[in-house]
PDB file of N, CA and C in Angstrom:
ATOM      1  N   MET A   1     -96.408 -82.656 218.513  1.00  0.00           N
ATOM      2  CA  MET A   1     -96.835 -83.033 217.196  1.00  0.00           C
ATOM      3  C   MET A   1     -97.552 -81.860 216.542  1.00  0.00           C
ATOM      4  N   ILE A   2     -97.651 -81.868 215.228  1.00  0.00           N
ATOM      5  CA  ILE A   2     -98.404 -80.848 214.506  1.00  0.00           C
ATOM      6  C   ILE A   2     -99.824 -81.366 214.346  1.00  0.00           C
ATOM      7  N   GLY A   3    -100.788 -80.622 214.890  1.00  0.00           N
ATOM      8  CA  GLY A   3    -102.178 -81.046 214.827  1.00  0.00           C
ATOM      9  C   GLY A   3    -102.833 -80.697 213.506  1.00  0.00           C
ATOM     10  N   LYS A   4    -104.060 -81.141 213.343  1.00  0.00           N
ATOM     11  CA  LYS A   4    -104.804 -80.864 212.116  1.00  0.00           C
ATOM     12  C   LYS A   4    -105.235 -79.404 212.028  1.00  0.00           C
ATOM     13  N   ASN A   5    -104.973 -78.642 213.084  1.00  0.00           N
ATOM     14  CA  ASN A   5    -105.201 -77.194 213.057  1.00  0.00           C
ATOM     15  C   ASN A   5    -103.923 -76.456 212.668  1.00  0.00           C
ATOM     16  N   ASN A   6    -102.899 -77.208 212.276  1.00  0.00           N
ATOM     17  CA  ASN A   6    -101.607 -76.673 211.838  1.00  0.00           C
ATOM     18  C   ASN A   6    -100.819 -76.015 212.977  1.00  0.00           C
ATOM     19  N   LEU A   7    -101.121 -76.366 214.205  1.00  0.00           N
ATOM     20  CA  LEU A   7    -100.418 -75.837 215.368  1.00  0.00           C
ATOM     21  C   LEU A   7     -99.667 -76.965 216.066  1.00  0.00           C
ATOM     22  N   VAL A   8     -98.584 -76.619 216.750  1.00  0.00           N
ATOM     23  CA  VAL A   8     -97.890 -77.584 217.597  1.00  0.00           C
ATOM     24  C   VAL A   8     -98.802 -77.867 218.785  1.00  0.00           C
ATOM     25  N   ILE A   9     -99.020 -79.147 219.080  1.00  0.00           N
ATOM     26  CA  ILE A   9     -99.882 -79.533 220.201  1.00  0.00           C
ATOM     27  C   ILE A   9     -99.072 -80.420 221.136  1.00  0.00           C
ATOM     28  N   THR A  10     -99.089 -80.090 222.431  1.00  0.00           N
ATOM     29  CA  THR A  10     -98.394 -80.896 223.431  1.00  0.00           C
ATOM     30  C   THR A  10     -99.421 -81.495 224.388  1.00  0.00           C
ATOM     31  N   PRO A  11     -99.108 -82.638 225.017  1.00  0.00           N
ATOM     32  CA  PRO A  11    -100.055 -83.228 225.964  1.00  0.00           C
ATOM     33  C   PRO A  11    -100.355 -82.311 227.151  1.00  0.00           C
ATOM     34  N   GLN A  12     -99.362 -81.576 227.610  1.00  0.00           N
ATOM     35  CA  GLN A  12     -99.533 -80.754 228.806  1.00  0.00           C
ATOM     36  C   GLN A  12    -100.247 -79.434 228.536  1.00  0.00           C
ATOM     37  N   PHE A  13     -99.955 -78.771 227.418  1.00  0.00           N
ATOM     38  CA  PHE A  13    -100.491 -77.436 227.169  1.00  0.00           C
ATOM     39  C   PHE A  13    -101.386 -77.345 225.936  1.00  0.00           C
ATOM     40  N   GLY A  14    -101.572 -78.439 225.217  1.00  0.00           N
ATOM     41  CA  GLY A  14    -102.360 -78.390 223.982  1.00  0.00           C
ATOM     42  C   GLY A  14    -101.669 -77.485 222.977  1.00  0.00           C
ATOM     43  N   PRO A  15    -102.438 -76.660 222.240  1.00  0.00           N
ATOM     44  CA  PRO A  15    -101.823 -75.772 221.258  1.00  0.00           C
ATOM     45  C   PRO A  15    -101.384 -74.434 221.850  1.00  0.00           C
ATOM     46  N   ARG A  16    -101.515 -74.279 223.154  1.00  0.00           N
ATOM     47  CA  ARG A  16    -101.194 -73.005 223.794  1.00  0.00           C
ATOM     48  C   ARG A  16     -99.724 -72.977 224.210  1.00  0.00           C
ATOM     49  N   VAL A  17     -98.845 -73.074 223.215  1.00  0.00           N
ATOM     50  CA  VAL A  17     -97.393 -73.036 223.434  1.00  0.00           C
ATOM     51  C   VAL A  17     -96.768 -72.042 222.465  1.00  0.00           C
ATOM     52  N   ARG A  18     -95.636 -71.522 222.816  1.00  0.00           N
ATOM     53  CA  ARG A  18     -94.858 -70.648 221.932  1.00  0.00           C
ATOM     54  C   ARG A  18     -93.458 -71.225 221.836  1.00  0.00           C
ATOM     55  N   LEU A  19     -92.948 -71.322 220.645  1.00  0.00           N
ATOM     56  CA  LEU A  19     -91.610 -71.880 220.452  1.00  0.00           C
ATOM     57  C   LEU A  19     -90.566 -70.775 220.514  1.00  0.00           C
ATOM     58  N   ARG A  20     -89.517 -71.040 221.225  1.00  0.00           N
ATOM     59  CA  ARG A  20     -88.381 -70.134 221.333  1.00  0.00           C
ATOM     60  C   ARG A  20     -87.120 -70.966 221.127  1.00  0.00           C
ATOM     61  N   ALA A  21     -85.976 -70.357 221.122  1.00  0.00           N
ATOM     62  CA  ALA A  21     -84.721 -71.078 220.935  1.00  0.00           C
ATOM     63  C   ALA A  21     -83.918 -71.083 222.231  1.00  0.00           C
ATOM     64  N   LEU A  22     -83.219 -72.171 222.437  1.00  0.00           N
ATOM     65  CA  LEU A  22     -82.324 -72.300 223.575  1.00  0.00           C
ATOM     66  C   LEU A  22     -81.076 -73.013 223.061  1.00  0.00           C
ATOM     67  N   PHE A  23     -79.951 -72.357 223.145  1.00  0.00           N
ATOM     68  CA  PHE A  23     -78.700 -72.926 222.663  1.00  0.00           C
ATOM     69  C   PHE A  23     -77.882 -73.407 223.856  1.00  0.00           C
ATOM     70  N   LEU A  24     -77.544 -74.681 223.842  1.00  0.00           N
ATOM     71  CA  LEU A  24     -76.783 -75.276 224.934  1.00  0.00           C
ATOM     72  C   LEU A  24     -75.529 -75.941 224.384  1.00  0.00           C
ATOM     73  N   ASP A  25     -74.487 -75.919 225.178  1.00  0.00           N
ATOM     74  CA  ASP A  25     -73.247 -76.584 224.800  1.00  0.00           C
ATOM     75  C   ASP A  25     -73.083 -77.844 225.653  1.00  0.00           C
ATOM     76  N   VAL A  26     -74.130 -78.678 225.667  1.00  0.00           N
ATOM     77  CA  VAL A  26     -74.102 -79.928 226.429  1.00  0.00           C
ATOM     78  C   VAL A  26     -74.774 -81.020 225.602  1.00  0.00           C
ATOM     79  N   ASP A  27     -74.417 -82.253 225.894  1.00  0.00           N
ATOM     80  CA  ASP A  27     -75.083 -83.386 225.256  1.00  0.00           C
ATOM     81  C   ASP A  27     -76.322 -83.741 226.073  1.00  0.00           C
ATOM     82  N   LEU A  28     -77.444 -83.885 225.401  1.00  0.00           N
ATOM     83  CA  LEU A  28     -78.689 -84.242 226.068  1.00  0.00           C
ATOM     84  C   LEU A  28     -79.142 -85.615 225.596  1.00  0.00           C
ATOM     85  N   GLU A  29     -79.688 -86.393 226.518  1.00  0.00           N
ATOM     86  CA  GLU A  29     -80.219 -87.707 226.176  1.00  0.00           C
ATOM     87  C   GLU A  29     -81.592 -87.538 225.528  1.00  0.00           C
ATOM     88  N   PRO A  30     -81.822 -88.139 224.368  1.00  0.00           N
ATOM     89  CA  PRO A  30     -83.148 -88.065 223.764  1.00  0.00           C
ATOM     90  C   PRO A  30     -84.157 -88.854 224.597  1.00  0.00           C
ATOM     91  N   THR A  31     -85.362 -88.374 224.649  1.00  0.00           N
ATOM     92  CA  THR A  31     -86.407 -89.051 225.425  1.00  0.00           C
ATOM     93  C   THR A  31     -87.202 -90.026 224.577  1.00  0.00           C
ATOM     94  N   GLY A  32     -87.094 -89.927 223.264  1.00  0.00           N
ATOM     95  CA  GLY A  32     -87.813 -90.836 222.390  1.00  0.00           C
ATOM     96  C   GLY A  32     -89.228 -90.357 222.113  1.00  0.00           C
ATOM     97  N   PRO A  33     -89.909 -91.057 221.234  1.00  0.00           N
ATOM     98  CA  PRO A  33     -91.262 -90.641 220.859  1.00  0.00           C
ATOM     99  C   PRO A  33     -92.264 -90.909 221.984  1.00  0.00           C
ATOM    100  N   ILE A  34     -93.372 -90.204 221.951  1.00  0.00           N
ATOM    101  CA  ILE A  34     -94.454 -90.438 222.903  1.00  0.00           C
ATOM    102  C   ILE A  34     -95.698 -90.861 222.128  1.00  0.00           C
ATOM    103  N   GLU A  35     -96.562 -91.593 222.787  1.00  0.00           N
ATOM    104  CA  GLU A  35     -97.838 -91.991 222.191  1.00  0.00           C
ATOM    105  C   GLU A  35     -98.824 -90.852 222.420  1.00  0.00           C
ATOM    106  N   PHE A  36     -99.062 -90.077 221.373  1.00  0.00           N
ATOM    107  CA  PHE A  36     -99.928 -88.905 221.520  1.00  0.00           C
ATOM    108  C   PHE A  36    -100.553 -88.589 220.171  1.00  0.00           C
ATOM    109  N   GLU A  37    -101.843 -88.789 220.035  1.00  0.00           N
ATOM    110  CA  GLU A  37    -102.591 -88.500 218.807  1.00  0.00           C
ATOM    111  C   GLU A  37    -103.810 -87.657 219.175  1.00  0.00           C
ATOM    112  N   PRO A  38    -103.630 -86.377 219.466  1.00  0.00           N
ATOM    113  CA  PRO A  38    -104.730 -85.559 219.982  1.00  0.00           C
ATOM    114  C   PRO A  38    -105.870 -85.322 218.995  1.00  0.00           C
ATOM    115  N   CYS A  39    -105.611 -85.408 217.711  1.00  0.00           N
ATOM    116  CA  CYS A  39    -106.652 -85.105 216.721  1.00  0.00           C
ATOM    117  C   CYS A  39    -107.458 -86.340 216.317  1.00  0.00           C
ATOM    118  N   GLU A  40    -106.980 -87.517 216.707  1.00  0.00           N
ATOM    119  CA  GLU A  40    -107.670 -88.751 216.348  1.00  0.00           C
ATOM    120  C   GLU A  40    -109.016 -88.808 217.075  1.00  0.00           C
ATOM    121  N   GLY A  41    -110.089 -88.923 216.325  1.00  0.00           N
ATOM    122  CA  GLY A  41    -111.430 -88.991 216.906  1.00  0.00           C
ATOM    123  C   GLY A  41    -112.009 -87.645 217.315  1.00  0.00           C
ATOM    124  N   CYS A  42    -111.312 -86.563 217.051  1.00  0.00           N
ATOM    125  CA  CYS A  42    -111.782 -85.221 217.424  1.00  0.00           C
ATOM    126  C   CYS A  42    -112.694 -84.679 216.321  1.00  0.00           C
ATOM    127  N   ASP A  43    -113.738 -83.937 216.703  1.00  0.00           N
ATOM    128  CA  ASP A  43    -114.638 -83.359 215.694  1.00  0.00           C
ATOM    129  C   ASP A  43    -114.134 -82.017 215.159  1.00  0.00           C
ATOM    130  N   MET A  44    -112.915 -81.657 215.494  1.00  0.00           N
ATOM    131  CA  MET A  44    -112.208 -80.491 214.952  1.00  0.00           C
ATOM    132  C   MET A  44    -112.905 -79.143 215.179  1.00  0.00           C
ATOM    133  N   PRO A  45    -113.206 -78.790 216.425  1.00  0.00           N
ATOM    134  CA  PRO A  45    -113.776 -77.460 216.660  1.00  0.00           C
ATOM    135  C   PRO A  45    -112.822 -76.346 216.237  1.00  0.00           C
ATOM    136  N   CYS A  46    -111.525 -76.645 216.187  1.00  0.00           N
ATOM    137  CA  CYS A  46    -110.532 -75.653 215.754  1.00  0.00           C
ATOM    138  C   CYS A  46    -110.786 -75.242 214.308  1.00  0.00           C
ATOM    139  N   ARG A  47    -111.071 -76.202 213.471  1.00  0.00           N
ATOM    140  CA  ARG A  47    -111.309 -75.904 212.053  1.00  0.00           C
ATOM    141  C   ARG A  47    -112.612 -75.143 211.857  1.00  0.00           C
ATOM    142  N   GLN A  48    -113.598 -75.450 212.673  1.00  0.00           N
ATOM    143  CA  GLN A  48    -114.890 -74.775 212.563  1.00  0.00           C
ATOM    144  C   GLN A  48    -114.836 -73.349 213.110  1.00  0.00           C
ATOM    145  N   ALA A  49    -113.907 -73.073 214.015  1.00  0.00           N
ATOM    146  CA  ALA A  49    -113.825 -71.760 214.657  1.00  0.00           C
ATOM    147  C   ALA A  49    -113.166 -70.695 213.793  1.00  0.00           C
ATOM    148  N   CYS A  50    -112.469 -71.088 212.745  1.00  0.00           N
ATOM    149  CA  CYS A  50    -111.709 -70.141 211.926  1.00  0.00           C
ATOM    150  C   CYS A  50    -112.631 -69.146 211.217  1.00  0.00           C
ATOM    151  N   PRO A  51    -112.472 -67.845 211.483  1.00  0.00           N
ATOM    152  CA  PRO A  51    -113.339 -66.846 210.844  1.00  0.00           C
ATOM    153  C   PRO A  51    -113.114 -66.715 209.340  1.00  0.00           C
ATOM    154  N   GLN A  52    -111.947 -67.123 208.846  1.00  0.00           N
ATOM    155  CA  GLN A  52    -111.652 -67.044 207.411  1.00  0.00           C
ATOM    156  C   GLN A  52    -111.859 -68.380 206.699  1.00  0.00           C
ATOM    157  N   LYS A  53    -112.282 -69.404 207.450  1.00  0.00           N
ATOM    158  CA  LYS A  53    -112.488 -70.744 206.872  1.00  0.00           C
ATOM    159  C   LYS A  53    -111.212 -71.257 206.191  1.00  0.00           C
ATOM    160  N   ALA A  54    -110.093 -71.086 206.877  1.00  0.00           N
ATOM    161  CA  ALA A  54    -108.791 -71.472 206.320  1.00  0.00           C
ATOM    162  C   ALA A  54    -108.630 -72.982 206.172  1.00  0.00           C
ATOM    163  N   PHE A  55    -109.575 -73.761 206.696  1.00  0.00           N
ATOM    164  CA  PHE A  55    -109.499 -75.221 206.601  1.00  0.00           C
ATOM    165  C   PHE A  55    -110.589 -75.796 205.704  1.00  0.00           C
ATOM    166  N   ARG A  56    -111.325 -74.961 204.999  1.00  0.00           N
ATOM    167  CA  ARG A  56    -112.507 -75.432 204.269  1.00  0.00           C
ATOM    168  C   ARG A  56    -112.202 -76.481 203.205  1.00  0.00           C
ATOM    169  N   SER A  57    -111.023 -76.479 202.639  1.00  0.00           N
ATOM    170  CA  SER A  57    -110.690 -77.458 201.599  1.00  0.00           C
ATOM    171  C   SER A  57    -110.218 -78.788 202.187  1.00  0.00           C
ATOM    172  N   GLY A  58    -110.197 -78.896 203.503  1.00  0.00           N
ATOM    173  CA  GLY A  58    -109.697 -80.110 204.148  1.00  0.00           C
ATOM    174  C   GLY A  58    -108.240 -80.007 204.541  1.00  0.00           C
ATOM    175  N   SER A  59    -107.565 -78.979 204.047  1.00  0.00           N
ATOM    176  CA  SER A  59    -106.190 -78.709 204.455  1.00  0.00           C
ATOM    177  C   SER A  59    -106.090 -77.231 204.833  1.00  0.00           C
ATOM    178  N   TYR A  60    -104.948 -76.831 205.313  1.00  0.00           N
ATOM    179  CA  TYR A  60    -104.749 -75.476 205.829  1.00  0.00           C
ATOM    180  C   TYR A  60    -104.355 -74.507 204.720  1.00  0.00           C
ATOM    181  N   SER A  61    -104.998 -73.334 204.687  1.00  0.00           N
ATOM    182  CA  SER A  61    -104.649 -72.286 203.724  1.00  0.00           C
ATOM    183  C   SER A  61    -103.998 -71.123 204.464  1.00  0.00           C
ATOM    184  N   ARG A  62    -102.692 -70.999 204.324  1.00  0.00           N
ATOM    185  CA  ARG A  62    -101.968 -69.896 204.972  1.00  0.00           C
ATOM    186  C   ARG A  62    -102.458 -68.545 204.459  1.00  0.00           C
ATOM    187  N   ALA A  63    -102.817 -68.462 203.191  1.00  0.00           N
ATOM    188  CA  ALA A  63    -103.282 -67.199 202.605  1.00  0.00           C
ATOM    189  C   ALA A  63    -104.554 -66.713 203.300  1.00  0.00           C
ATOM    190  N   LEU A  64    -105.480 -67.617 203.584  1.00  0.00           N
ATOM    191  CA  LEU A  64    -106.712 -67.215 204.272  1.00  0.00           C
ATOM    192  C   LEU A  64    -106.427 -66.818 205.719  1.00  0.00           C
ATOM    193  N   CYS A  65    -105.545 -67.549 206.377  1.00  0.00           N
ATOM    194  CA  CYS A  65    -105.158 -67.211 207.748  1.00  0.00           C
ATOM    195  C   CYS A  65    -104.499 -65.828 207.784  1.00  0.00           C
ATOM    196  N   ASP A  66    -103.671 -65.541 206.792  1.00  0.00           N
ATOM    197  CA  ASP A  66    -102.988 -64.245 206.727  1.00  0.00           C
ATOM    198  C   ASP A  66    -103.963 -63.080 206.608  1.00  0.00           C
ATOM    199  N   ILE A  67    -105.112 -63.301 205.987  1.00  0.00           N
ATOM    200  CA  ILE A  67    -106.121 -62.235 205.893  1.00  0.00           C
ATOM    201  C   ILE A  67    -106.548 -61.809 207.293  1.00  0.00           C
ATOM    202  N   GLU A  68    -106.822 -62.774 208.151  1.00  0.00           N
ATOM    203  CA  GLU A  68    -107.253 -62.468 209.524  1.00  0.00           C
ATOM    204  C   GLU A  68    -106.109 -61.851 210.322  1.00  0.00           C
ATOM    205  N   MET A  69    -104.897 -62.353 210.139  1.00  0.00           N
ATOM    206  CA  MET A  69    -103.744 -61.796 210.844  1.00  0.00           C
ATOM    207  C   MET A  69    -103.466 -60.364 210.386  1.00  0.00           C
ATOM    208  N   GLY A  70    -103.719 -60.070 209.130  1.00  0.00           N
ATOM    209  CA  GLY A  70    -103.541 -58.715 208.611  1.00  0.00           C
ATOM    210  C   GLY A  70    -104.464 -57.718 209.280  1.00  0.00           C
ATOM    211  N   LYS A  71    -105.636 -58.171 209.683  1.00  0.00           N
ATOM    212  CA  LYS A  71    -106.563 -57.288 210.405  1.00  0.00           C
ATOM    213  C   LYS A  71    -105.949 -56.841 211.727  1.00  0.00           C
ATOM    214  N   ALA A  72    -105.221 -57.733 212.384  1.00  0.00           N
ATOM    215  CA  ALA A  72    -104.577 -57.392 213.654  1.00  0.00           C
ATOM    216  C   ALA A  72    -103.530 -56.311 213.453  1.00  0.00           C
ATOM    217  N   GLU A  73    -102.778 -56.408 212.374  1.00  0.00           N
ATOM    218  CA  GLU A  73    -101.758 -55.396 212.099  1.00  0.00           C
ATOM    219  C   GLU A  73    -102.397 -54.051 211.791  1.00  0.00           C
ATOM    220  N   ALA A  74    -103.513 -54.074 211.081  1.00  0.00           N
ATOM    221  CA  ALA A  74    -104.197 -52.830 210.730  1.00  0.00           C
ATOM    222  C   ALA A  74    -104.838 -52.178 211.946  1.00  0.00           C
ATOM    223  N   ASN A  75    -105.154 -52.978 212.953  1.00  0.00           N
ATOM    224  CA  ASN A  75    -105.851 -52.461 214.132  1.00  0.00           C
ATOM    225  C   ASN A  75    -104.982 -52.448 215.381  1.00  0.00           C
ATOM    226  N   GLU A  76    -103.651 -52.393 215.210  1.00  0.00           N
ATOM    227  CA  GLU A  76    -102.799 -52.406 216.394  1.00  0.00           C
ATOM    228  C   GLU A  76    -103.048 -51.165 217.240  1.00  0.00           C
ATOM    229  N   VAL A  77    -102.850 -51.342 218.524  1.00  0.00           N
ATOM    230  CA  VAL A  77    -103.130 -50.289 219.493  1.00  0.00           C
ATOM    231  C   VAL A  77    -101.820 -49.850 220.138  1.00  0.00           C
ATOM    232  N   ILE A  78    -101.622 -48.551 220.253  1.00  0.00           N
ATOM    233  CA  ILE A  78    -100.459 -48.036 220.975  1.00  0.00           C
ATOM    234  C   ILE A  78    -100.830 -48.004 222.451  1.00  0.00           C
ATOM    235  N   VAL A  79    -100.009 -48.630 223.274  1.00  0.00           N
ATOM    236  CA  VAL A  79    -100.288 -48.674 224.706  1.00  0.00           C
ATOM    237  C   VAL A  79     -99.411 -47.663 225.439  1.00  0.00           C
ATOM    238  N   GLU A  80     -99.737 -47.428 226.669  1.00  0.00           N
ATOM    239  CA  GLU A  80     -99.030 -46.415 227.457  1.00  0.00           C
ATOM    240  C   GLU A  80     -97.588 -46.799 227.779  1.00  0.00           C
ATOM    241  N   ASN A  81     -97.291 -48.082 227.746  1.00  0.00           N
ATOM    242  CA  ASN A  81     -95.914 -48.507 228.031  1.00  0.00           C
ATOM    243  C   ASN A  81     -94.993 -47.992 226.942  1.00  0.00           C
ATOM    244  N   TRP A  82     -93.881 -47.454 227.333  1.00  0.00           N
ATOM    245  CA  TRP A  82     -92.895 -46.973 226.361  1.00  0.00           C
ATOM    246  C   TRP A  82     -91.670 -47.847 226.454  1.00  0.00           C
ATOM    247  N   LYS A  83     -91.097 -48.147 225.327  1.00  0.00           N
ATOM    248  CA  LYS A  83     -89.892 -48.972 225.283  1.00  0.00           C
ATOM    249  C   LYS A  83     -88.705 -48.178 225.808  1.00  0.00           C
ATOM    250  N   ASP A  84     -87.627 -48.881 226.077  1.00  0.00           N
ATOM    251  CA  ASP A  84     -86.414 -48.238 226.592  1.00  0.00           C
ATOM    252  C   ASP A  84     -85.877 -47.167 225.653  1.00  0.00           C
ATOM    253  N   ASP A  85     -86.109 -47.325 224.346  1.00  0.00           N
ATOM    254  CA  ASP A  85     -85.588 -46.337 223.401  1.00  0.00           C
ATOM    255  C   ASP A  85     -86.512 -45.128 223.230  1.00  0.00           C
ATOM    256  N   GLY A  86     -87.597 -45.070 224.008  1.00  0.00           N
ATOM    257  CA  GLY A  86     -88.503 -43.925 223.945  1.00  0.00           C
ATOM    258  C   GLY A  86     -89.628 -44.061 222.938  1.00  0.00           C
ATOM    259  N   SER A  87     -89.651 -45.156 222.180  1.00  0.00           N
ATOM    260  CA  SER A  87     -90.727 -45.346 221.199  1.00  0.00           C
ATOM    261  C   SER A  87     -91.931 -46.015 221.865  1.00  0.00           C
ATOM    262  N   PRO A  88     -93.131 -45.750 221.354  1.00  0.00           N
ATOM    263  CA  PRO A  88     -94.320 -46.351 221.970  1.00  0.00           C
ATOM    264  C   PRO A  88     -94.384 -47.853 221.695  1.00  0.00           C
ATOM    265  N   ASP A  89     -94.952 -48.566 222.618  1.00  0.00           N
ATOM    266  CA  ASP A  89     -95.152 -50.002 222.455  1.00  0.00           C
ATOM    267  C   ASP A  89     -96.478 -50.216 221.737  1.00  0.00           C
ATOM    268  N   ARG A  90     -96.537 -51.196 220.860  1.00  0.00           N
ATOM    269  CA  ARG A  90     -97.763 -51.483 220.128  1.00  0.00           C
ATOM    270  C   ARG A  90     -98.244 -52.893 220.471  1.00  0.00           C
ATOM    271  N   VAL A  91     -99.540 -53.058 220.531  1.00  0.00           N
ATOM    272  CA  VAL A  91    -100.130 -54.346 220.839  1.00  0.00           C
ATOM    273  C   VAL A  91    -101.011 -54.771 219.681  1.00  0.00           C
ATOM    274  N   ARG A  92    -100.841 -56.008 219.250  1.00  0.00           N
ATOM    275  CA  ARG A  92    -101.702 -56.576 218.214  1.00  0.00           C
ATOM    276  C   ARG A  92    -102.447 -57.756 218.815  1.00  0.00           C
ATOM    277  N   LYS A  93    -103.731 -57.777 218.622  1.00  0.00           N
ATOM    278  CA  LYS A  93    -104.530 -58.911 219.080  1.00  0.00           C
ATOM    279  C   LYS A  93    -104.736 -59.838 217.895  1.00  0.00           C
ATOM    280  N   TYR A  94    -103.805 -60.783 217.748  1.00  0.00           N
ATOM    281  CA  TYR A  94    -103.883 -61.727 216.641  1.00  0.00           C
ATOM    282  C   TYR A  94    -105.022 -62.712 216.862  1.00  0.00           C
ATOM    283  N   CYS A  95    -105.531 -63.220 215.763  1.00  0.00           N
ATOM    284  CA  CYS A  95    -106.574 -64.237 215.812  1.00  0.00           C
ATOM    285  C   CYS A  95    -106.002 -65.505 216.445  1.00  0.00           C
ATOM    286  N   ARG A  96    -106.711 -66.044 217.410  1.00  0.00           N
ATOM    287  CA  ARG A  96    -106.318 -67.295 218.051  1.00  0.00           C
ATOM    288  C   ARG A  96    -107.508 -68.246 218.109  1.00  0.00           C
ATOM    289  N   ALA A  97    -108.481 -68.043 217.210  1.00  0.00           N
ATOM    290  CA  ALA A  97    -109.724 -68.816 217.255  1.00  0.00           C
ATOM    291  C   ALA A  97    -109.464 -70.318 217.222  1.00  0.00           C
ATOM    292  N   CYS A  98    -108.596 -70.785 216.324  1.00  0.00           N
ATOM    293  CA  CYS A  98    -108.338 -72.228 216.237  1.00  0.00           C
ATOM    294  C   CYS A  98    -107.626 -72.731 217.493  1.00  0.00           C
ATOM    295  N   GLU A  99    -106.714 -71.955 218.003  1.00  0.00           N
ATOM    296  CA  GLU A  99    -105.982 -72.333 219.219  1.00  0.00           C
ATOM    297  C   GLU A  99    -106.922 -72.442 220.416  1.00  0.00           C
ATOM    298  N   LEU A 100    -107.775 -71.444 220.590  1.00  0.00           N
ATOM    299  CA  LEU A 100    -108.660 -71.410 221.751  1.00  0.00           C
ATOM    300  C   LEU A 100    -109.792 -72.423 221.658  1.00  0.00           C
ATOM    301  N   ALA A 101    -110.138 -72.862 220.450  1.00  0.00           N
ATOM    302  CA  ALA A 101    -111.209 -73.851 220.280  1.00  0.00           C
ATOM    303  C   ALA A 101    -110.727 -75.280 220.518  1.00  0.00           C
ATOM    304  N   CYS A 102    -109.432 -75.509 220.482  1.00  0.00           N
ATOM    305  CA  CYS A 102    -108.879 -76.860 220.642  1.00  0.00           C
ATOM    306  C   CYS A 102    -109.124 -77.361 222.070  1.00  0.00           C
ATOM    307  N   PRO A 103    -109.719 -78.558 222.218  1.00  0.00           N
ATOM    308  CA  PRO A 103    -110.026 -79.069 223.557  1.00  0.00           C
ATOM    309  C   PRO A 103    -108.846 -79.737 224.279  1.00  0.00           C
ATOM    310  N   VAL A 104    -107.703 -79.907 223.621  1.00  0.00           N
ATOM    311  CA  VAL A 104    -106.571 -80.611 224.237  1.00  0.00           C
ATOM    312  C   VAL A 104    -105.979 -79.783 225.376  1.00  0.00           C
ATOM    313  N   ALA A 105    -105.805 -80.426 226.531  1.00  0.00           N
ATOM    314  CA  ALA A 105    -105.140 -79.850 227.717  1.00  0.00           C
ATOM    315  C   ALA A 105    -105.818 -78.599 228.250  1.00  0.00           C
ATOM    316  N   ARG A 106    -107.109 -78.603 228.249  1.00  0.00           N
ATOM    317  CA  ARG A 106    -107.821 -77.457 228.850  1.00  0.00           C
ATOM    318  C   ARG A 106    -107.865 -77.577 230.336  1.00  0.00           C
TER     319      ARG A 106
END
Protein backbone atom coordinates (compact mmCIF):
# COMPACT_ATOMS: atom_id res chain seq x y z
CA MET A 1 0.00 0.00 0.00
CA ILE A 2 1.05 3.64 -0.35
CA GLY A 3 1.58 5.09 3.12
CA LYS A 4 0.99 8.62 4.33
CA ASN A 5 4.73 9.17 3.84
CA ASN A 6 4.14 8.65 0.09
CA LEU A 7 6.20 5.44 0.11
CA VAL A 8 5.20 1.86 -0.69
CA ILE A 9 4.86 0.04 2.64
CA THR A 10 4.78 -3.75 3.00
CA PRO A 11 4.02 -5.78 6.14
CA GLN A 12 7.35 -7.60 5.95
CA PHE A 13 9.77 -4.77 5.10
CA GLY A 14 7.85 -1.55 5.84
CA PRO A 15 8.96 1.26 3.51
CA ARG A 16 12.41 -0.27 3.02
CA VAL A 17 11.66 -1.77 -0.41
CA ARG A 18 12.77 -0.99 -3.95
CA LEU A 19 10.56 -1.68 -6.93
CA ARG A 20 12.01 -3.38 -9.97
CA ALA A 21 10.44 -5.07 -12.99
CA LEU A 22 10.11 -8.76 -13.69
CA PHE A 23 8.62 -9.91 -16.98
CA LEU A 24 7.19 -13.42 -17.04
CA ASP A 25 5.43 -15.38 -19.74
CA VAL A 26 3.26 -17.36 -17.31
CA ASP A 27 -0.18 -17.01 -15.78
CA LEU A 28 -0.06 -16.25 -12.06
CA GLU A 29 -2.88 -16.69 -9.57
CA PRO A 30 -3.78 -13.43 -7.81
CA THR A 31 -3.47 -13.58 -4.04
CA GLY A 32 -6.13 -10.97 -3.38
CA PRO A 33 -6.09 -8.02 -1.01
CA ILE A 34 -4.56 -8.14 2.46
CA GLU A 35 -5.74 -6.44 5.64
CA PHE A 36 -2.96 -3.94 6.20
CA GLU A 37 -3.34 -0.32 7.37
CA PRO A 38 0.11 0.63 8.72
CA CYS A 39 -0.58 4.37 9.03
CA GLU A 40 -3.84 4.02 10.95
CA GLY A 41 -3.25 5.26 14.50
CA CYS A 42 0.39 6.17 13.78
CA ASP A 43 1.75 9.52 15.02
CA MET A 44 3.63 9.88 11.70
CA PRO A 45 7.30 10.16 12.72
CA CYS A 46 8.04 9.94 8.98
CA ARG A 47 6.37 13.28 8.35
CA GLN A 48 8.13 14.90 11.29
CA ALA A 49 11.55 13.61 10.18
CA CYS A 50 11.53 15.37 6.79
CA PRO A 51 14.26 18.05 6.74
CA GLN A 52 12.38 20.03 4.05
CA LYS A 53 8.97 19.72 5.77
CA ALA A 54 7.53 18.21 2.59
CA PHE A 55 4.41 17.14 4.52
CA ARG A 56 3.68 20.42 6.33
CA SER A 57 0.47 21.13 4.41
CA GLY A 58 -0.97 17.74 5.35
CA SER A 59 -0.12 16.27 1.97
CA TYR A 60 3.14 15.46 0.18
CA SER A 61 5.08 18.14 -1.72
CA ARG A 62 7.34 16.60 -4.36
CA ALA A 63 8.95 20.01 -4.97
CA LEU A 64 10.16 20.24 -1.36
CA CYS A 65 11.40 16.64 -1.41
CA ASP A 66 13.29 17.39 -4.64
CA ILE A 67 15.20 20.18 -2.88
CA GLU A 68 16.70 17.64 -0.46
CA MET A 69 17.33 15.11 -3.23
CA GLY A 70 19.11 17.81 -5.24
CA LYS A 71 21.60 18.20 -2.40
CA ALA A 72 22.58 14.55 -2.88
CA GLU A 73 23.28 15.13 -6.56
CA ALA A 74 25.37 18.20 -5.78
CA ASN A 75 27.38 16.29 -3.19
CA GLU A 76 27.93 13.00 -5.01
CA VAL A 77 31.18 11.26 -4.25
CA ILE A 78 33.42 9.48 -6.74
CA VAL A 79 34.40 6.12 -5.29
CA GLU A 80 37.39 3.96 -6.08
CA ASN A 81 35.30 1.37 -7.90
CA TRP A 82 35.51 1.80 -11.65
CA LYS A 83 32.82 0.66 -14.01
CA ASP A 84 33.50 -1.83 -16.78
CA ASP A 85 33.73 1.00 -19.31
CA GLY A 86 36.55 2.68 -17.35
CA SER A 87 34.46 5.55 -15.99
CA PRO A 88 34.42 6.29 -12.25
CA ASP A 89 31.49 5.15 -10.17
CA ARG A 90 29.57 7.84 -8.29
CA VAL A 91 27.67 7.47 -5.04
CA ARG A 92 24.81 9.69 -3.94
CA LYS A 93 23.51 9.58 -0.40
CA TYR A 94 19.86 10.41 -0.97
CA CYS A 95 17.68 11.58 1.87
CA ARG A 96 15.85 8.66 3.48
CA ALA A 97 14.67 10.45 6.63
CA CYS A 98 10.98 9.57 6.15
CA GLU A 99 11.79 5.97 5.25
CA LEU A 100 14.09 5.43 8.23
CA ALA A 101 11.67 7.08 10.68
CA CYS A 102 8.78 4.75 9.76
CA PRO A 103 8.21 2.20 12.57
CA VAL A 104 6.60 -0.47 10.32
CA ALA A 105 8.54 -3.78 10.13
CA ARG A 106 11.56 -2.71 12.11
